[in-house]
């Protein structure tokens, strides 16, 4: 962690940010009321400067990205989450199932990471997923596989009558290097009952990640925001993640995921770019024990994500490739971004591009 990042002399339009800045500068943990003020302050510039300083104290001016591809093996799913445009039932016009050869054909030769998540399929046997992982490692031995959310692990546990530990151990034996953070949605039982009743809730999600960390499997964490959740529920989510990280230290990165309207239309409009930046900045300030905060360009768009690199984010994800989940919800972003484009976005934010793998081993620093 850099030790030479001097705290700037801050002047705030919102005086309520002054005691928060004192806490951030002096290393005191923010409380729920502080987090709410960050989400609601009209002083977005002051909030961003605080979060940028907190990020630079951890990563200096480095911003990480990877060469990756997102694989979604199937969209057939037993769940009916109300926010999801991706899932399908067997027989639907947009339902699909890729074969292992078809999936291998989606993986470029130079990627560092293969990210795999998909629908909770009613019929695919667990052995098929193991065969898929082994086939990827045989085809691309150097690639890291980041695969299966806690929600999927919970489904495998129920569907195949396997213990959580057995599911995770078999995933690791077949080639998984880390877990994605999806499936967390919002840690609110009210929201779960309304939007994703059949999916694992907060306690179960955290339980699975804690077990993965104890077994040596690092993971990410997410929050889906911009639908029916309240600001108080967002802050509760941050605090629960922070408490979970205090226990194991196994989370690598937090990714705020902006809800995409698609055809579900839970709310009249997308979260604004200002709300996206508030979420990135508040995440950096509240999640003081998370190494990295991501500006996920797939959902916010490239421009907002690039600005987010000065609002507390130090990661831009990657080149993505054939991601289908956000784009099924009509996300307004390119389907894939080349290395040179990501390097340019990072440099335009005044930062230093650092190419990484799924577990944040540095592969290459792109000097100016």
Protein backbone atom coordinates (compact mmCIF):
# COMPACT_ATOMS: atom_id res chain seq x y z
CA UNK A 1 0.00 0.00 0.00
CA UNK A 2 1.49 3.42 -0.94
CA UNK A 3 2.59 5.45 2.07
CA UNK A 4 3.40 8.76 0.34
CA UNK A 5 -0.07 9.82 -0.83
CA UNK A 6 -0.56 13.14 0.94
CA UNK A 7 -4.09 14.03 1.98
CA UNK A 8 -5.28 17.08 0.01
CA UNK A 9 -6.60 20.23 1.63
CA UNK A 10 -10.33 19.67 1.09
CA UNK A 11 -13.08 22.29 0.92
CA UNK A 12 -16.64 20.95 0.80
CA UNK A 13 -19.86 22.50 -0.45
CA UNK A 14 -21.66 20.07 1.90
CA UNK A 15 -20.42 20.63 5.45
CA UNK A 16 -21.74 17.19 6.44
CA UNK A 17 -18.82 15.65 4.52
CA UNK A 18 -16.20 17.31 6.75
CA UNK A 19 -16.41 14.82 9.65
CA UNK A 20 -16.50 11.97 7.11
CA UNK A 21 -13.29 13.28 5.57
CA UNK A 22 -11.72 13.45 9.04
CA UNK A 23 -12.57 9.77 9.55
CA UNK A 24 -11.31 8.73 6.11
CA UNK A 25 -8.06 10.64 6.51
CA UNK A 26 -7.44 9.27 9.99
CA UNK A 27 -8.37 5.68 9.12
CA UNK A 28 -11.56 5.47 11.18
CA UNK A 29 -14.30 3.20 9.87
CA UNK A 30 -17.44 4.91 8.53
CA UNK A 31 -20.82 4.10 10.05
CA UNK A 32 -24.24 3.71 8.45
CA UNK A 33 -25.11 7.40 8.82
CA UNK A 34 -21.85 8.34 7.11
CA UNK A 35 -22.62 6.02 4.23
CA UNK A 36 -26.10 7.46 3.79
CA UNK A 37 -24.65 10.97 3.68
CA UNK A 38 -22.25 9.86 0.94
CA UNK A 39 -25.11 8.45 -1.16
CA UNK A 40 -27.23 11.56 -0.68
CA UNK A 41 -24.77 14.45 -0.69
CA UNK A 42 -25.15 17.10 -3.39
CA UNK A 43 -21.38 17.61 -3.24
CA UNK A 44 -20.49 14.91 -5.74
CA UNK A 45 -17.09 16.48 -6.44
CA UNK A 46 -16.13 16.48 -2.76
CA UNK A 47 -17.29 12.87 -2.41
CA UNK A 48 -15.26 11.86 -5.44
CA UNK A 49 -12.10 13.55 -4.18
CA UNK A 50 -12.34 11.70 -0.87
CA UNK A 51 -12.84 8.36 -2.60
CA UNK A 52 -10.05 9.01 -5.10
CA UNK A 53 -7.65 9.72 -2.26
CA UNK A 54 -8.74 6.52 -0.49
CA UNK A 55 -8.17 4.55 -3.71
CA UNK A 56 -4.75 6.11 -4.37
CA UNK A 57 -3.73 5.35 -0.79
CA UNK A 58 -4.22 1.67 -1.73
CA UNK A 59 -3.25 1.50 -5.39
CA UNK A 60 -1.46 4.80 -6.07
CA UNK A 61 -2.46 5.74 -9.64
CA UNK A 62 -2.64 2.15 -10.86
CA UNK A 63 -5.86 0.90 -12.46
CA UNK A 64 -6.20 -2.81 -13.19
CA UNK A 65 -7.80 -4.60 -16.11
CA UNK A 66 -7.65 -8.04 -17.64
CA UNK A 67 -8.01 -9.77 -20.98
CA UNK A 68 -11.05 -11.92 -20.36
CA UNK A 69 -14.07 -13.54 -21.88
CA UNK A 70 -17.46 -14.06 -20.24
CA UNK A 71 -19.02 -17.44 -20.94
CA UNK A 72 -22.71 -18.04 -20.18
CA UNK A 73 -23.19 -21.76 -21.00
CA UNK A 74 -26.99 -21.64 -20.90
CA UNK A 75 -29.80 -19.24 -20.12
CA UNK A 76 -32.29 -21.98 -19.24
CA UNK A 77 -33.08 -21.46 -15.57
CA UNK A 78 -35.46 -22.85 -12.97
CA UNK A 79 -35.70 -19.43 -11.31
CA UNK A 80 -37.96 -16.54 -12.30
CA UNK A 81 -36.21 -13.49 -10.85
CA UNK A 82 -38.18 -10.37 -11.69
CA UNK A 83 -35.13 -8.28 -12.63
CA UNK A 84 -33.70 -10.78 -15.14
CA UNK A 85 -34.02 -10.57 -18.93
CA UNK A 86 -31.40 -13.28 -19.45
CA UNK A 87 -33.18 -16.35 -18.10
CA UNK A 88 -35.40 -18.55 -20.27
CA UNK A 89 -37.54 -21.65 -19.92
CA UNK A 90 -37.02 -24.65 -22.15
CA UNK A 91 -38.93 -24.07 -25.39
CA UNK A 92 -38.67 -20.27 -25.28
CA UNK A 93 -37.51 -18.71 -28.53
CA UNK A 94 -34.43 -17.20 -26.88
CA UNK A 95 -33.46 -20.31 -24.86
CA UNK A 96 -30.03 -21.77 -25.63
CA UNK A 97 -27.53 -24.37 -24.42
CA UNK A 98 -23.94 -24.35 -25.65
CA UNK A 99 -21.98 -27.54 -26.08
CA UNK A 100 -18.44 -27.79 -24.69
CA UNK A 101 -16.89 -27.47 -28.20
CA UNK A 102 -19.02 -24.37 -28.83
CA UNK A 103 -17.81 -22.84 -25.56
CA UNK A 104 -14.17 -23.61 -26.35
CA UNK A 105 -14.67 -21.82 -29.65
CA UNK A 106 -15.60 -18.63 -27.77
CA UNK A 107 -12.25 -18.41 -25.92
CA UNK A 108 -9.55 -16.36 -27.66
CA UNK A 109 -5.99 -17.64 -27.31
CA UNK A 110 -4.56 -14.65 -25.42
CA UNK A 111 -7.02 -14.20 -22.51
CA UNK A 112 -5.92 -14.32 -18.89
CA UNK A 113 -9.37 -15.09 -17.44
CA UNK A 114 -12.46 -17.08 -18.40
CA UNK A 115 -15.49 -15.93 -16.40
CA UNK A 116 -18.32 -18.49 -16.29
CA UNK A 117 -21.85 -17.93 -14.94
CA UNK A 118 -25.18 -19.11 -16.28
CA UNK A 119 -28.73 -20.18 -15.63
CA UNK A 120 -29.76 -22.75 -13.02
CA UNK A 121 -30.36 -25.46 -15.58
CA UNK A 122 -32.81 -28.21 -14.55
CA UNK A 123 -31.11 -31.13 -16.33
CA UNK A 124 -27.38 -30.61 -16.96
CA UNK A 125 -25.46 -33.00 -14.66
CA UNK A 126 -22.75 -31.67 -12.38
CA UNK A 127 -20.19 -33.83 -14.20
CA UNK A 128 -20.83 -31.79 -17.37
CA UNK A 129 -19.63 -28.63 -15.60
CA UNK A 130 -16.52 -30.47 -14.42
CA UNK A 131 -15.89 -31.69 -17.97
CA UNK A 132 -16.26 -28.10 -19.21
CA UNK A 133 -13.72 -26.77 -16.71
CA UNK A 134 -11.21 -29.52 -17.52
CA UNK A 135 -11.66 -28.98 -21.26
CA UNK A 136 -10.89 -25.27 -20.86
CA UNK A 137 -7.75 -26.01 -18.84
CA UNK A 138 -6.64 -28.61 -21.39
CA UNK A 139 -7.20 -26.11 -24.22
CA UNK A 140 -5.77 -23.08 -22.39
CA UNK A 141 -3.50 -24.33 -19.54
CA UNK A 142 -2.33 -20.84 -18.54
CA UNK A 143 -5.79 -19.29 -18.27
CA UNK A 144 -7.46 -18.70 -14.91
CA UNK A 145 -11.08 -19.78 -14.58
CA UNK A 146 -13.39 -17.62 -12.45
CA UNK A 147 -16.57 -19.64 -12.27
CA UNK A 148 -19.96 -20.14 -10.61
CA UNK A 149 -21.57 -17.68 -8.24
CA UNK A 150 -22.59 -18.53 -4.68
CA UNK A 151 -26.16 -18.77 -5.99
CA UNK A 152 -25.02 -21.45 -8.44
CA UNK A 153 -23.09 -23.29 -5.74
CA UNK A 154 -26.25 -23.26 -3.61
CA UNK A 155 -28.21 -24.67 -6.55
CA UNK A 156 -25.62 -27.40 -7.19
CA UNK A 157 -25.82 -28.31 -3.50
CA UNK A 158 -29.60 -28.67 -3.66
CA UNK A 159 -29.87 -30.17 -7.13
CA UNK A 160 -27.13 -32.81 -6.82
CA UNK A 161 -27.32 -33.48 -3.06
CA UNK A 162 -23.69 -32.50 -2.56
CA UNK A 163 -22.26 -30.63 0.40
CA UNK A 164 -21.06 -27.09 -0.24
CA UNK A 165 -17.50 -28.22 0.46
CA UNK A 166 -17.78 -31.05 -2.06
CA UNK A 167 -19.14 -28.70 -4.74
CA UNK A 168 -16.31 -26.23 -4.15
CA UNK A 169 -13.61 -28.89 -3.95
CA UNK A 170 -14.73 -30.48 -7.20
CA UNK A 171 -14.82 -27.06 -8.87
CA UNK A 172 -11.27 -26.36 -7.70
CA UNK A 173 -10.02 -29.79 -8.72
CA UNK A 174 -11.45 -29.24 -12.21
CA UNK A 175 -9.66 -25.91 -12.61
CA UNK A 176 -11.51 -23.03 -10.90
CA UNK A 177 -9.12 -20.33 -9.61
CA UNK A 178 -11.62 -17.89 -8.09
CA UNK A 179 -15.34 -17.18 -7.75
CA UNK A 180 -17.31 -14.30 -9.25
CA UNK A 181 -19.37 -12.14 -6.93
CA UNK A 182 -22.73 -12.39 -8.67
CA UNK A 183 -25.96 -13.55 -7.09
CA UNK A 184 -25.64 -11.23 -4.09
CA UNK A 185 -28.26 -8.82 -5.54
CA UNK A 186 -29.16 -6.72 -2.45
CA UNK A 187 -28.84 -8.00 1.11
CA UNK A 188 -32.46 -7.24 1.94
CA UNK A 189 -35.04 -9.88 2.79
CA UNK A 190 -37.75 -7.45 1.66
CA UNK A 191 -36.18 -7.17 -1.80
CA UNK A 192 -35.47 -10.91 -1.98
CA UNK A 193 -39.13 -11.76 -1.31
CA UNK A 194 -40.25 -9.27 -3.95
CA UNK A 195 -37.72 -9.91 -6.74
CA UNK A 196 -35.81 -13.19 -6.33
CA UNK A 197 -37.64 -15.35 -3.83
CA UNK A 198 -36.19 -18.65 -5.11
CA UNK A 199 -32.56 -17.57 -4.97
CA UNK A 200 -30.13 -17.81 -2.04
CA UNK A 201 -30.42 -14.90 0.39
CA UNK A 202 -27.75 -12.85 2.14
CA UNK A 203 -26.86 -15.31 4.90
CA UNK A 204 -26.49 -18.18 2.46
CA UNK A 205 -24.44 -16.12 0.00
CA UNK A 206 -22.03 -15.07 2.74
CA UNK A 207 -21.86 -18.61 4.15
CA UNK A 208 -20.73 -20.00 0.79
CA UNK A 209 -18.12 -17.29 0.23
CA UNK A 210 -16.73 -17.77 3.74
CA UNK A 211 -16.36 -21.49 3.09
CA UNK A 212 -14.69 -20.84 -0.27
CA UNK A 213 -12.21 -18.48 1.40
CA UNK A 214 -11.40 -21.05 4.09
CA UNK A 215 -10.74 -23.57 1.32
CA UNK A 216 -8.32 -21.18 -0.37
CA UNK A 217 -10.65 -19.91 -3.11
CA UNK A 218 -10.70 -16.11 -3.39
CA UNK A 219 -13.79 -14.33 -4.68
CA UNK A 220 -15.42 -11.06 -5.65
CA UNK A 221 -18.58 -9.42 -4.30
CA UNK A 222 -21.36 -7.43 -5.98
CA UNK A 223 -24.48 -5.39 -5.36
CA UNK A 224 -27.31 -4.90 -7.87
CA UNK A 225 -28.60 -1.35 -7.39
CA UNK A 226 -30.95 1.08 -9.07
CA UNK A 227 -34.24 -0.88 -8.80
CA UNK A 228 -36.53 -1.06 -5.75
CA UNK A 229 -33.86 -1.03 -3.04
CA UNK A 230 -33.53 1.92 -0.66
CA UNK A 231 -30.36 3.81 0.20
CA UNK A 232 -30.55 2.30 3.68
CA UNK A 233 -30.56 -1.20 2.14
CA UNK A 234 -27.52 -0.34 0.04
CA UNK A 235 -25.62 0.75 3.13
CA UNK A 236 -26.72 -2.37 5.03
CA UNK A 237 -25.31 -4.41 2.14
CA UNK A 238 -21.96 -2.59 2.37
CA UNK A 239 -21.75 -3.15 6.12
CA UNK A 240 -22.51 -6.87 5.82
CA UNK A 241 -19.86 -7.27 3.14
CA UNK A 242 -17.36 -5.38 5.26
CA UNK A 243 -18.12 -7.57 8.26
CA UNK A 244 -17.78 -10.70 6.10
CA UNK A 245 -14.39 -9.50 4.84
CA UNK A 246 -13.27 -8.87 8.43
CA UNK A 247 -13.69 -12.59 9.09
CA UNK A 248 -11.76 -14.13 6.17
CA UNK A 249 -10.13 -11.38 4.09
CA UNK A 250 -10.96 -13.47 1.03
CA UNK A 251 -12.71 -10.91 -1.15
CA UNK A 252 -10.60 -9.42 -3.93
CA UNK A 253 -12.91 -6.82 -5.42
CA UNK A 254 -16.33 -5.22 -5.06
CA UNK A 255 -18.37 -4.57 -8.21
CA UNK A 256 -21.42 -2.27 -8.13
CA UNK A 257 -23.84 -3.55 -10.80
CA UNK A 258 -26.29 -1.02 -12.20
CA UNK A 259 -29.72 -2.59 -12.84
CA UNK A 260 -30.51 -2.66 -16.56
CA UNK A 261 -34.14 -1.89 -17.39
CA UNK A 262 -34.42 -4.28 -20.34
CA UNK A 263 -38.04 -5.34 -20.60
CA UNK A 264 -38.54 -5.90 -16.85
CA UNK A 265 -38.92 -2.15 -16.14
CA UNK A 266 -38.97 -2.36 -12.36
CA UNK A 267 -38.38 1.39 -12.29
CA UNK A 268 -39.06 4.10 -14.90
CA UNK A 269 -35.42 4.88 -15.74
CA UNK A 270 -31.84 3.77 -15.32
CA UNK A 271 -29.77 4.97 -12.41
CA UNK A 272 -28.11 8.22 -13.44
CA UNK A 273 -24.39 8.59 -14.08
CA UNK A 274 -24.27 10.64 -10.86
CA UNK A 275 -25.79 7.74 -8.92
CA UNK A 276 -23.26 5.36 -10.50
CA UNK A 277 -20.42 7.61 -9.35
CA UNK A 278 -21.92 7.96 -5.87
CA UNK A 279 -22.06 4.16 -5.61
CA UNK A 280 -18.44 3.71 -6.69
CA UNK A 281 -17.23 6.41 -4.29
CA UNK A 282 -19.33 5.23 -1.35
CA UNK A 283 -18.19 1.66 -1.92
CA UNK A 284 -14.55 2.75 -1.73
CA UNK A 285 -15.15 4.70 1.47
CA UNK A 286 -17.34 2.12 3.22
CA UNK A 287 -15.47 -1.04 2.14
CA UNK A 288 -12.20 -0.06 3.77
CA UNK A 289 -11.01 -3.68 3.88
CA UNK A 290 -11.62 -4.51 0.19
CA UNK A 291 -8.47 -4.31 -1.95
CA UNK A 292 -10.23 -3.19 -5.14
CA UNK A 293 -13.38 -1.44 -6.35
CA UNK A 294 -14.48 -1.94 -9.95
CA UNK A 295 -16.06 0.49 -12.41
CA UNK A 296 -17.97 -2.06 -14.49
CA UNK A 297 -18.12 -0.43 -17.91
CA UNK A 298 -20.52 -3.06 -19.29
CA UNK A 299 -23.37 -1.66 -17.19
CA UNK A 300 -22.40 1.99 -16.63
CA UNK A 301 -20.98 2.60 -20.10
CA UNK A 302 -17.39 3.44 -20.92
CA UNK A 303 -17.61 7.18 -20.22
CA UNK A 304 -19.05 6.86 -16.72
CA UNK A 305 -16.66 4.02 -15.91
CA UNK A 306 -13.69 6.13 -16.98
CA UNK A 307 -14.85 8.98 -14.74
CA UNK A 308 -15.33 6.42 -11.96
CA UNK A 309 -11.57 5.87 -12.00
CA UNK A 310 -11.34 9.27 -10.28
CA UNK A 311 -14.20 8.42 -7.89
CA UNK A 312 -12.60 5.53 -6.04
CA UNK A 313 -12.44 2.71 -8.60
CA UNK A 314 -9.09 1.10 -9.40
CA UNK A 315 -10.31 -1.64 -11.74
CA UNK A 316 -12.07 -1.56 -15.12
CA UNK A 317 -12.78 -5.31 -15.50
CA UNK A 318 -11.68 -6.48 -18.92
CA UNK A 319 -12.26 -7.02 -22.60
CA UNK A 320 -15.34 -9.20 -21.79
CA UNK A 321 -15.87 -10.79 -25.22
CA UNK A 322 -19.28 -12.49 -25.51
CA UNK A 323 -21.04 -11.46 -22.27
CA UNK A 324 -24.80 -12.09 -22.60
CA UNK A 325 -26.47 -11.34 -19.24
CA UNK A 326 -26.26 -7.53 -19.15
CA UNK A 327 -26.72 -7.34 -22.90
CA UNK A 328 -29.89 -9.45 -22.66
CA UNK A 329 -31.17 -6.53 -20.59
CA UNK A 330 -30.15 -4.13 -23.39
CA UNK A 331 -27.05 -2.74 -21.68
CA UNK A 332 -25.80 0.20 -23.73
CA UNK A 333 -22.15 -0.80 -24.10
CA UNK A 334 -19.92 -2.53 -26.65
CA UNK A 335 -19.98 -6.32 -26.47
CA UNK A 336 -16.20 -6.37 -26.21
CA UNK A 337 -13.44 -3.83 -25.79
CA UNK A 338 -9.89 -4.40 -27.01
CA UNK A 339 -6.81 -4.00 -24.86
CA UNK A 340 -5.86 -0.73 -26.56
CA UNK A 341 -9.30 0.74 -25.84
CA UNK A 342 -9.11 -0.13 -22.14
CA UNK A 343 -5.59 1.25 -21.90
CA UNK A 344 -6.86 4.45 -23.51
CA UNK A 345 -9.80 4.76 -21.11
CA UNK A 346 -7.49 4.37 -18.13
CA UNK A 347 -4.93 6.84 -19.44
CA UNK A 348 -7.67 9.38 -20.22
CA UNK A 349 -8.51 9.29 -16.50
CA UNK A 350 -4.88 10.15 -15.69
CA UNK A 351 -4.14 6.67 -14.36
CA UNK A 352 -1.57 3.95 -15.09
CA UNK A 353 -2.96 0.82 -16.84
CA UNK A 354 -1.96 -2.46 -15.19
CA UNK A 355 -2.85 -5.75 -16.87
CA UNK A 356 -3.74 -8.50 -14.36
CA UNK A 357 -5.18 -11.98 -14.14
CA UNK A 358 -8.29 -13.07 -12.19
CA UNK A 359 -6.48 -13.09 -8.83
CA UNK A 360 -4.68 -9.77 -9.41
CA UNK A 361 -1.24 -11.08 -10.28
CA UNK A 362 0.28 -8.32 -12.43
CA UNK A 363 0.94 -9.48 -15.99
CA UNK A 364 2.12 -6.18 -17.50
CA UNK A 365 2.24 -2.48 -16.66
CA UNK A 366 1.54 -0.23 -19.63
CA UNK A 367 3.92 2.70 -19.28
CA UNK A 368 2.97 6.06 -20.74
